[in-house]
Amino acid sequence: IAGSAHAVGPAVSALNAKISAEGGVASGEGAGLVS
């Protein structure tokens, strides 16, 4: 939410989308996210 507004252009040049996948360890357990 905080970082994806960096679209190129005036404020937003055109409709665009982003997808990401993350994995890591938290409290000694695996964690995985898709955004």
ModelCIF file with pLDDT and N, C-alpha, C, O atoms, coordinates in Angstrom:
data_MODEL
#
_entry.id   MODEL 
#
_entity.id                         1 
_entity.type                       polymer 
_entity.pdbx_number_of_molecules   1 
#
_entity_poly.entity_id                      1 
_entity_poly.type                           'polypeptide(L)' 
_entity_poly.nstd_linkage                   no 
_entity_poly.nstd_monomer                   no 
_entity_poly.pdbx_seq_one_letter_code       IAGSAHAVGPAVSALNAKISAEGGVASGEGAGLVS 
_entity_poly.pdbx_seq_one_letter_code_can   IAGSAHAVGPAVSALNAKISAEGGVASGEGAGLVS 
_entity_poly.pdbx_strand_id                 A 
#
loop_
_entity_poly_seq.entity_id 
_entity_poly_seq.num 
_entity_poly_seq.mon_id 
_entity_poly_seq.hetero 
1 1  ILE n 
1 2  ALA n 
1 3  GLY n 
1 4  SER n 
1 5  ALA n 
1 6  HIS n 
1 7  ALA n 
1 8  VAL n 
1 9  GLY n 
1 10 PRO n 
1 11 ALA n 
1 12 VAL n 
1 13 SER n 
1 14 ALA n 
1 15 LEU n 
1 16 ASN n 
1 17 ALA n 
1 18 LYS n 
1 19 ILE n 
1 20 SER n 
1 21 ALA n 
1 22 GLU n 
1 23 GLY n 
1 24 GLY n 
1 25 VAL n 
1 26 ALA n 
1 27 SER n 
1 28 GLY n 
1 29 GLU n 
1 30 GLY n 
1 31 ALA n 
1 32 GLY n 
1 33 LEU n 
1 34 VAL n 
1 35 SER n 
#
_struct_asym.id          A 
_struct_asym.entity_id   1 
#
loop_
_ma_qa_metric.id 
_ma_qa_metric.mode 
_ma_qa_metric.name 
_ma_qa_metric.software_group_id 
_ma_qa_metric.type 
1 global pLDDT . pLDDT 
2 local  pLDDT . pLDDT 
#
_ma_qa_metric_global.metric_id      1 
_ma_qa_metric_global.metric_value   68.83 
_ma_qa_metric_global.model_id       1 
_ma_qa_metric_global.ordinal_id     1 
#
loop_
_ma_qa_metric_local.label_asym_id 
_ma_qa_metric_local.label_comp_id 
_ma_qa_metric_local.label_seq_id 
_ma_qa_metric_local.metric_id 
_ma_qa_metric_local.metric_value 
_ma_qa_metric_local.model_id 
_ma_qa_metric_local.ordinal_id 
A ILE 1  2 39.00 1 1  
A ALA 2  2 41.00 1 2  
A GLY 3  2 45.00 1 3  
A SER 4  2 43.00 1 4  
A ALA 5  2 43.00 1 5  
A HIS 6  2 45.00 1 6  
A ALA 7  2 43.00 1 7  
A VAL 8  2 46.00 1 8  
A GLY 9  2 49.00 1 9  
A PRO 10 2 59.00 1 10 
A ALA 11 2 67.00 1 11 
A VAL 12 2 76.00 1 12 
A SER 13 2 75.00 1 13 
A ALA 14 2 81.00 1 14 
A LEU 15 2 87.00 1 15 
A ASN 16 2 88.00 1 16 
A ALA 17 2 88.00 1 17 
A LYS 18 2 85.00 1 18 
A ILE 19 2 86.00 1 19 
A SER 20 2 82.00 1 20 
A ALA 21 2 81.00 1 21 
A GLU 22 2 78.00 1 22 
A GLY 23 2 77.00 1 23 
A GLY 24 2 73.00 1 24 
A VAL 25 2 69.00 1 25 
A ALA 26 2 65.00 1 26 
A SER 27 2 64.00 1 27 
A GLY 28 2 68.00 1 28 
A GLU 29 2 70.00 1 29 
A GLY 30 2 74.00 1 30 
A ALA 31 2 78.00 1 31 
A GLY 32 2 84.00 1 32 
A LEU 33 2 84.00 1 33 
A VAL 34 2 88.00 1 34 
A SER 35 2 88.00 1 35 
#
loop_
_atom_site.group_PDB 
_atom_site.id 
_atom_site.type_symbol 
_atom_site.label_atom_id 
_atom_site.label_alt_id 
_atom_site.label_comp_id 
_atom_site.label_asym_id 
_atom_site.label_entity_id 
_atom_site.label_seq_id 
_atom_site.pdbx_PDB_ins_code 
_atom_site.Cartn_x 
_atom_site.Cartn_y 
_atom_site.Cartn_z 
_atom_site.occupancy 
_atom_site.B_iso_or_equiv 
_atom_site.pdbx_formal_charge 
_atom_site.auth_seq_id 
_atom_site.auth_comp_id 
_atom_site.auth_asym_id 
_atom_site.auth_atom_id 
_atom_site.pdbx_PDB_model_num 
ATOM 1   N N  . ILE A 1 1  ? 0.829  -1.205  0.000   1.00 39.00 ? 1  ILE A N  1 
ATOM 2   C CA . ILE A 1 1  ? 0.000  0.000   0.000   1.00 39.00 ? 1  ILE A CA 1 
ATOM 3   C C  . ILE A 1 1  ? 0.859  1.249   0.000   1.00 39.00 ? 1  ILE A C  1 
ATOM 4   O O  . ILE A 1 1  ? 0.549  2.226   -0.681  1.00 39.00 ? 1  ILE A O  1 
ATOM 5   N N  . ALA A 1 2  ? 1.939  1.214   0.765   1.00 41.00 ? 2  ALA A N  1 
ATOM 6   C CA . ALA A 1 2  ? 2.758  2.411   0.900   1.00 41.00 ? 2  ALA A CA 1 
ATOM 7   C C  . ALA A 1 2  ? 3.642  2.659   -0.298  1.00 41.00 ? 2  ALA A C  1 
ATOM 8   O O  . ALA A 1 2  ? 3.917  3.813   -0.629  1.00 41.00 ? 2  ALA A O  1 
ATOM 9   N N  . GLY A 1 3  ? 4.098  1.602   -0.962  1.00 45.00 ? 3  GLY A N  1 
ATOM 10  C CA . GLY A 1 3  ? 5.159  1.783   -1.923  1.00 45.00 ? 3  GLY A CA 1 
ATOM 11  C C  . GLY A 1 3  ? 4.802  1.644   -3.374  1.00 45.00 ? 3  GLY A C  1 
ATOM 12  O O  . GLY A 1 3  ? 5.614  1.993   -4.231  1.00 45.00 ? 3  GLY A O  1 
ATOM 13  N N  . SER A 1 4  ? 3.622  1.148   -3.694  1.00 43.00 ? 4  SER A N  1 
ATOM 14  C CA . SER A 1 4  ? 3.336  0.833   -5.080  1.00 43.00 ? 4  SER A CA 1 
ATOM 15  C C  . SER A 1 4  ? 2.809  2.003   -5.886  1.00 43.00 ? 4  SER A C  1 
ATOM 16  O O  . SER A 1 4  ? 2.552  1.856   -7.081  1.00 43.00 ? 4  SER A O  1 
ATOM 17  N N  . ALA A 1 5  ? 2.645  3.133   -5.283  1.00 43.00 ? 5  ALA A N  1 
ATOM 18  C CA . ALA A 1 5  ? 2.101  4.276   -6.004  1.00 43.00 ? 5  ALA A CA 1 
ATOM 19  C C  . ALA A 1 5  ? 3.139  4.986   -6.856  1.00 43.00 ? 5  ALA A C  1 
ATOM 20  O O  . ALA A 1 5  ? 2.850  6.032   -7.438  1.00 43.00 ? 5  ALA A O  1 
ATOM 21  N N  . HIS A 1 6  ? 4.333  4.438   -6.937  1.00 45.00 ? 6  HIS A N  1 
ATOM 22  C CA . HIS A 1 6  ? 5.390  5.050   -7.736  1.00 45.00 ? 6  HIS A CA 1 
ATOM 23  C C  . HIS A 1 6  ? 5.207  4.717   -9.213  1.00 45.00 ? 6  HIS A C  1 
ATOM 24  O O  . HIS A 1 6  ? 6.125  4.198   -9.849  1.00 45.00 ? 6  HIS A O  1 
ATOM 25  N N  . ALA A 1 7  ? 4.060  5.003   -9.750  1.00 43.00 ? 7  ALA A N  1 
ATOM 26  C CA . ALA A 1 7  ? 3.841  4.768   -11.174 1.00 43.00 ? 7  ALA A CA 1 
ATOM 27  C C  . ALA A 1 7  ? 4.496  5.878   -11.972 1.00 43.00 ? 7  ALA A C  1 
ATOM 28  O O  . ALA A 1 7  ? 4.612  7.011   -11.505 1.00 43.00 ? 7  ALA A O  1 
ATOM 29  N N  . VAL A 1 8  ? 4.920  5.543   -13.177 1.00 46.00 ? 8  VAL A N  1 
ATOM 30  C CA . VAL A 1 8  ? 5.593  6.515   -14.026 1.00 46.00 ? 8  VAL A CA 1 
ATOM 31  C C  . VAL A 1 8  ? 4.559  7.379   -14.726 1.00 46.00 ? 8  VAL A C  1 
ATOM 32  O O  . VAL A 1 8  ? 3.524  6.876   -15.164 1.00 46.00 ? 8  VAL A O  1 
ATOM 33  N N  . GLY A 1 9  ? 4.831  8.693   -14.839 1.00 49.00 ? 9  GLY A N  1 
ATOM 34  C CA . GLY A 1 9  ? 3.922  9.561   -15.567 1.00 49.00 ? 9  GLY A CA 1 
ATOM 35  C C  . GLY A 1 9  ? 3.495  10.732  -14.728 1.00 49.00 ? 9  GLY A C  1 
ATOM 36  O O  . GLY A 1 9  ? 4.129  11.029  -13.715 1.00 49.00 ? 9  GLY A O  1 
ATOM 37  N N  . PRO A 1 10 ? 2.411  11.423  -15.130 1.00 59.00 ? 10 PRO A N  1 
ATOM 38  C CA . PRO A 1 10 ? 1.927  12.575  -14.356 1.00 59.00 ? 10 PRO A CA 1 
ATOM 39  C C  . PRO A 1 10 ? 1.683  12.205  -12.904 1.00 59.00 ? 10 PRO A C  1 
ATOM 40  O O  . PRO A 1 10 ? 2.535  12.467  -12.054 1.00 59.00 ? 10 PRO A O  1 
ATOM 41  N N  . ALA A 1 11 ? 0.536  11.601  -12.596 1.00 67.00 ? 11 ALA A N  1 
ATOM 42  C CA . ALA A 1 11 ? 0.363  10.952  -11.296 1.00 67.00 ? 11 ALA A CA 1 
ATOM 43  C C  . ALA A 1 11 ? 0.425  9.453   -11.531 1.00 67.00 ? 11 ALA A C  1 
ATOM 44  O O  . ALA A 1 11 ? 1.178  8.737   -10.871 1.00 67.00 ? 11 ALA A O  1 
ATOM 45  N N  . VAL A 1 12 ? -0.378 8.990   -12.477 1.00 76.00 ? 12 VAL A N  1 
ATOM 46  C CA . VAL A 1 12 ? -0.312 7.620   -12.989 1.00 76.00 ? 12 VAL A CA 1 
ATOM 47  C C  . VAL A 1 12 ? -0.462 7.725   -14.496 1.00 76.00 ? 12 VAL A C  1 
ATOM 48  O O  . VAL A 1 12 ? -1.428 8.316   -14.979 1.00 76.00 ? 12 VAL A O  1 
ATOM 49  N N  . SER A 1 13 ? 0.464  7.171   -15.236 1.00 75.00 ? 13 SER A N  1 
ATOM 50  C CA . SER A 1 13 ? 0.430  7.340   -16.691 1.00 75.00 ? 13 SER A CA 1 
ATOM 51  C C  . SER A 1 13 ? -0.693 6.545   -17.332 1.00 75.00 ? 13 SER A C  1 
ATOM 52  O O  . SER A 1 13 ? -1.289 6.992   -18.312 1.00 75.00 ? 13 SER A O  1 
ATOM 53  N N  . ALA A 1 14 ? -0.993 5.350   -16.782 1.00 81.00 ? 14 ALA A N  1 
ATOM 54  C CA . ALA A 1 14 ? -2.025 4.489   -17.354 1.00 81.00 ? 14 ALA A CA 1 
ATOM 55  C C  . ALA A 1 14 ? -2.355 3.408   -16.340 1.00 81.00 ? 14 ALA A C  1 
ATOM 56  O O  . ALA A 1 14 ? -1.651 3.246   -15.343 1.00 81.00 ? 14 ALA A O  1 
ATOM 57  N N  . LEU A 1 15 ? -3.416 2.676   -16.593 1.00 87.00 ? 15 LEU A N  1 
ATOM 58  C CA . LEU A 1 15 ? -3.764 1.543   -15.750 1.00 87.00 ? 15 LEU A CA 1 
ATOM 59  C C  . LEU A 1 15 ? -2.603 0.550   -15.729 1.00 87.00 ? 15 LEU A C  1 
ATOM 60  O O  . LEU A 1 15 ? -2.114 0.145   -16.783 1.00 87.00 ? 15 LEU A O  1 
ATOM 61  N N  . ASN A 1 16 ? -2.157 0.155   -14.523 1.00 88.00 ? 16 ASN A N  1 
ATOM 62  C CA . ASN A 1 16 ? -1.060 -0.802  -14.425 1.00 88.00 ? 16 ASN A CA 1 
ATOM 63  C C  . ASN A 1 16 ? -1.252 -1.685  -13.210 1.00 88.00 ? 16 ASN A C  1 
ATOM 64  O O  . ASN A 1 16 ? -1.991 -1.342  -12.288 1.00 88.00 ? 16 ASN A O  1 
ATOM 65  N N  . ALA A 1 17 ? -0.582 -2.819  -13.217 1.00 88.00 ? 17 ALA A N  1 
ATOM 66  C CA . ALA A 1 17 ? -0.720 -3.804  -12.149 1.00 88.00 ? 17 ALA A CA 1 
ATOM 67  C C  . ALA A 1 17 ? 0.648  -4.325  -11.734 1.00 88.00 ? 17 ALA A C  1 
ATOM 68  O O  . ALA A 1 17 ? 1.615  -4.254  -12.492 1.00 88.00 ? 17 ALA A O  1 
ATOM 69  N N  . LYS A 1 18 ? 0.709  -4.849  -10.519 1.00 85.00 ? 18 LYS A N  1 
ATOM 70  C CA . LYS A 1 18 ? 1.945  -5.396  -9.974  1.00 85.00 ? 18 LYS A CA 1 
ATOM 71  C C  . LYS A 1 18 ? 1.611  -6.637  -9.160  1.00 85.00 ? 18 LYS A C  1 
ATOM 72  O O  . LYS A 1 18 ? 0.604  -6.660  -8.454  1.00 85.00 ? 18 LYS A O  1 
ATOM 73  N N  . ILE A 1 19 ? 2.433  -7.655  -9.250  1.00 86.00 ? 19 ILE A N  1 
ATOM 74  C CA . ILE A 1 19 ? 2.281  -8.855  -8.441  1.00 86.00 ? 19 ILE A CA 1 
ATOM 75  C C  . ILE A 1 19 ? 3.639  -9.245  -7.889  1.00 86.00 ? 19 ILE A C  1 
ATOM 76  O O  . ILE A 1 19 ? 4.652  -9.101  -8.574  1.00 86.00 ? 19 ILE A O  1 
ATOM 77  N N  . SER A 1 20 ? 3.672  -9.736  -6.663  1.00 82.00 ? 20 SER A N  1 
ATOM 78  C CA . SER A 1 20 ? 4.934  -10.119 -6.048  1.00 82.00 ? 20 SER A CA 1 
ATOM 79  C C  . SER A 1 20 ? 4.718  -11.330 -5.152  1.00 82.00 ? 20 SER A C  1 
ATOM 80  O O  . SER A 1 20 ? 3.607  -11.569 -4.678  1.00 82.00 ? 20 SER A O  1 
ATOM 81  N N  . ALA A 1 21 ? 5.774  -12.087 -4.923  1.00 81.00 ? 21 ALA A N  1 
ATOM 82  C CA . ALA A 1 21 ? 5.759  -13.232 -4.021  1.00 81.00 ? 21 ALA A CA 1 
ATOM 83  C C  . ALA A 1 21 ? 6.936  -13.110 -3.068  1.00 81.00 ? 21 ALA A C  1 
ATOM 84  O O  . ALA A 1 21 ? 8.047  -12.776 -3.480  1.00 81.00 ? 21 ALA A O  1 
ATOM 85  N N  . GLU A 1 22 ? 6.688  -13.382 -1.792  1.00 78.00 ? 22 GLU A N  1 
ATOM 86  C CA . GLU A 1 22 ? 7.714  -13.264 -0.768  1.00 78.00 ? 22 GLU A CA 1 
ATOM 87  C C  . GLU A 1 22 ? 7.695  -14.477 0.133   1.00 78.00 ? 22 GLU A C  1 
ATOM 88  O O  . GLU A 1 22 ? 6.643  -15.075 0.354   1.00 78.00 ? 22 GLU A O  1 
ATOM 89  N N  . GLY A 1 23 ? 8.840  -14.840 0.648   1.00 77.00 ? 23 GLY A N  1 
ATOM 90  C CA . GLY A 1 23 ? 8.945  -15.922 1.612   1.00 77.00 ? 23 GLY A CA 1 
ATOM 91  C C  . GLY A 1 23 ? 9.984  -15.580 2.652   1.00 77.00 ? 23 GLY A C  1 
ATOM 92  O O  . GLY A 1 23 ? 10.930 -14.843 2.373   1.00 77.00 ? 23 GLY A O  1 
ATOM 93  N N  . GLY A 1 24 ? 9.817  -16.105 3.844   1.00 73.00 ? 24 GLY A N  1 
ATOM 94  C CA . GLY A 1 24 ? 10.771 -15.812 4.897   1.00 73.00 ? 24 GLY A CA 1 
ATOM 95  C C  . GLY A 1 24 ? 10.482 -16.631 6.138   1.00 73.00 ? 24 GLY A C  1 
ATOM 96  O O  . GLY A 1 24 ? 9.713  -17.592 6.098   1.00 73.00 ? 24 GLY A O  1 
ATOM 97  N N  . VAL A 1 25 ? 11.109 -16.242 7.246   1.00 69.00 ? 25 VAL A N  1 
ATOM 98  C CA . VAL A 1 25 ? 10.951 -16.919 8.523   1.00 69.00 ? 25 VAL A CA 1 
ATOM 99  C C  . VAL A 1 25 ? 10.524 -15.893 9.558   1.00 69.00 ? 25 VAL A C  1 
ATOM 100 O O  . VAL A 1 25 ? 11.109 -14.814 9.653   1.00 69.00 ? 25 VAL A O  1 
ATOM 101 N N  . ALA A 1 26 ? 9.495  -16.233 10.339  1.00 65.00 ? 26 ALA A N  1 
ATOM 102 C CA . ALA A 1 26 ? 9.022  -15.358 11.410  1.00 65.00 ? 26 ALA A CA 1 
ATOM 103 C C  . ALA A 1 26 ? 8.680  -16.224 12.616  1.00 65.00 ? 26 ALA A C  1 
ATOM 104 O O  . ALA A 1 26 ? 7.955  -17.211 12.490  1.00 65.00 ? 26 ALA A O  1 
ATOM 105 N N  . SER A 1 27 ? 9.200  -15.857 13.786  1.00 64.00 ? 27 SER A N  1 
ATOM 106 C CA . SER A 1 27 ? 9.005  -16.639 15.014  1.00 64.00 ? 27 SER A CA 1 
ATOM 107 C C  . SER A 1 27 ? 9.441  -18.085 14.830  1.00 64.00 ? 27 SER A C  1 
ATOM 108 O O  . SER A 1 27 ? 8.845  -18.994 15.407  1.00 64.00 ? 27 SER A O  1 
ATOM 109 N N  . GLY A 1 28 ? 10.485 -18.303 14.024  1.00 68.00 ? 28 GLY A N  1 
ATOM 110 C CA . GLY A 1 28 ? 11.011 -19.626 13.809  1.00 68.00 ? 28 GLY A CA 1 
ATOM 111 C C  . GLY A 1 28 ? 10.199 -20.484 12.863  1.00 68.00 ? 28 GLY A C  1 
ATOM 112 O O  . GLY A 1 28 ? 10.490 -21.668 12.697  1.00 68.00 ? 28 GLY A O  1 
ATOM 113 N N  . GLU A 1 29 ? 9.176  -19.902 12.234  1.00 70.00 ? 29 GLU A N  1 
ATOM 114 C CA . GLU A 1 29 ? 8.328  -20.651 11.314  1.00 70.00 ? 29 GLU A CA 1 
ATOM 115 C C  . GLU A 1 29 ? 8.338  -19.986 9.949   1.00 70.00 ? 29 GLU A C  1 
ATOM 116 O O  . GLU A 1 29 ? 8.536  -18.777 9.831   1.00 70.00 ? 29 GLU A O  1 
ATOM 117 N N  . GLY A 1 30 ? 8.123  -20.793 8.926   1.00 74.00 ? 30 GLY A N  1 
ATOM 118 C CA . GLY A 1 30 ? 8.083  -20.252 7.587   1.00 74.00 ? 30 GLY A CA 1 
ATOM 119 C C  . GLY A 1 30 ? 6.850  -19.405 7.349   1.00 74.00 ? 30 GLY A C  1 
ATOM 120 O O  . GLY A 1 30 ? 5.785  -19.663 7.912   1.00 74.00 ? 30 GLY A O  1 
ATOM 121 N N  . ALA A 1 31 ? 7.002  -18.396 6.512   1.00 78.00 ? 31 ALA A N  1 
ATOM 122 C CA . ALA A 1 31 ? 5.888  -17.526 6.129   1.00 78.00 ? 31 ALA A CA 1 
ATOM 123 C C  . ALA A 1 31 ? 5.995  -17.229 4.648   1.00 78.00 ? 31 ALA A C  1 
ATOM 124 O O  . ALA A 1 31 ? 7.095  -17.013 4.139   1.00 78.00 ? 31 ALA A O  1 
ATOM 125 N N  . GLY A 1 32 ? 4.884  -17.215 3.956   1.00 84.00 ? 32 GLY A N  1 
ATOM 126 C CA . GLY A 1 32 ? 4.878  -16.930 2.531   1.00 84.00 ? 32 GLY A CA 1 
ATOM 127 C C  . GLY A 1 32 ? 3.711  -16.039 2.161   1.00 84.00 ? 32 GLY A C  1 
ATOM 128 O O  . GLY A 1 32 ? 2.610  -16.199 2.688   1.00 84.00 ? 32 GLY A O  1 
ATOM 129 N N  . LEU A 1 33 ? 3.944  -15.106 1.259   1.00 84.00 ? 33 LEU A N  1 
ATOM 130 C CA . LEU A 1 33 ? 2.935  -14.126 0.870   1.00 84.00 ? 33 LEU A CA 1 
ATOM 131 C C  . LEU A 1 33 ? 2.927  -13.938 -0.635  1.00 84.00 ? 33 LEU A C  1 
ATOM 132 O O  . LEU A 1 33 ? 3.972  -14.001 -1.283  1.00 84.00 ? 33 LEU A O  1 
ATOM 133 N N  . VAL A 1 34 ? 1.757  -13.708 -1.183  1.00 88.00 ? 34 VAL A N  1 
ATOM 134 C CA . VAL A 1 34 ? 1.599  -13.270 -2.563  1.00 88.00 ? 34 VAL A CA 1 
ATOM 135 C C  . VAL A 1 34 ? 0.786  -11.989 -2.542  1.00 88.00 ? 34 VAL A C  1 
ATOM 136 O O  . VAL A 1 34 ? -0.297 -11.948 -1.960  1.00 88.00 ? 34 VAL A O  1 
ATOM 137 N N  . SER A 1 35 ? 1.303  -10.941 -3.175  1.00 88.00 ? 35 SER A N  1 
ATOM 138 C CA . SER A 1 35 ? 0.666  -9.623  -3.157  1.00 88.00 ? 35 SER A CA 1 
ATOM 139 C C  . SER A 1 35 ? 0.396  -9.131  -4.570  1.00 88.00 ? 35 SER A C  1 
ATOM 140 O O  . SER A 1 35 ? -0.137 -8.036  -4.751  1.00 88.00 ? 35 SER A O  1 
#
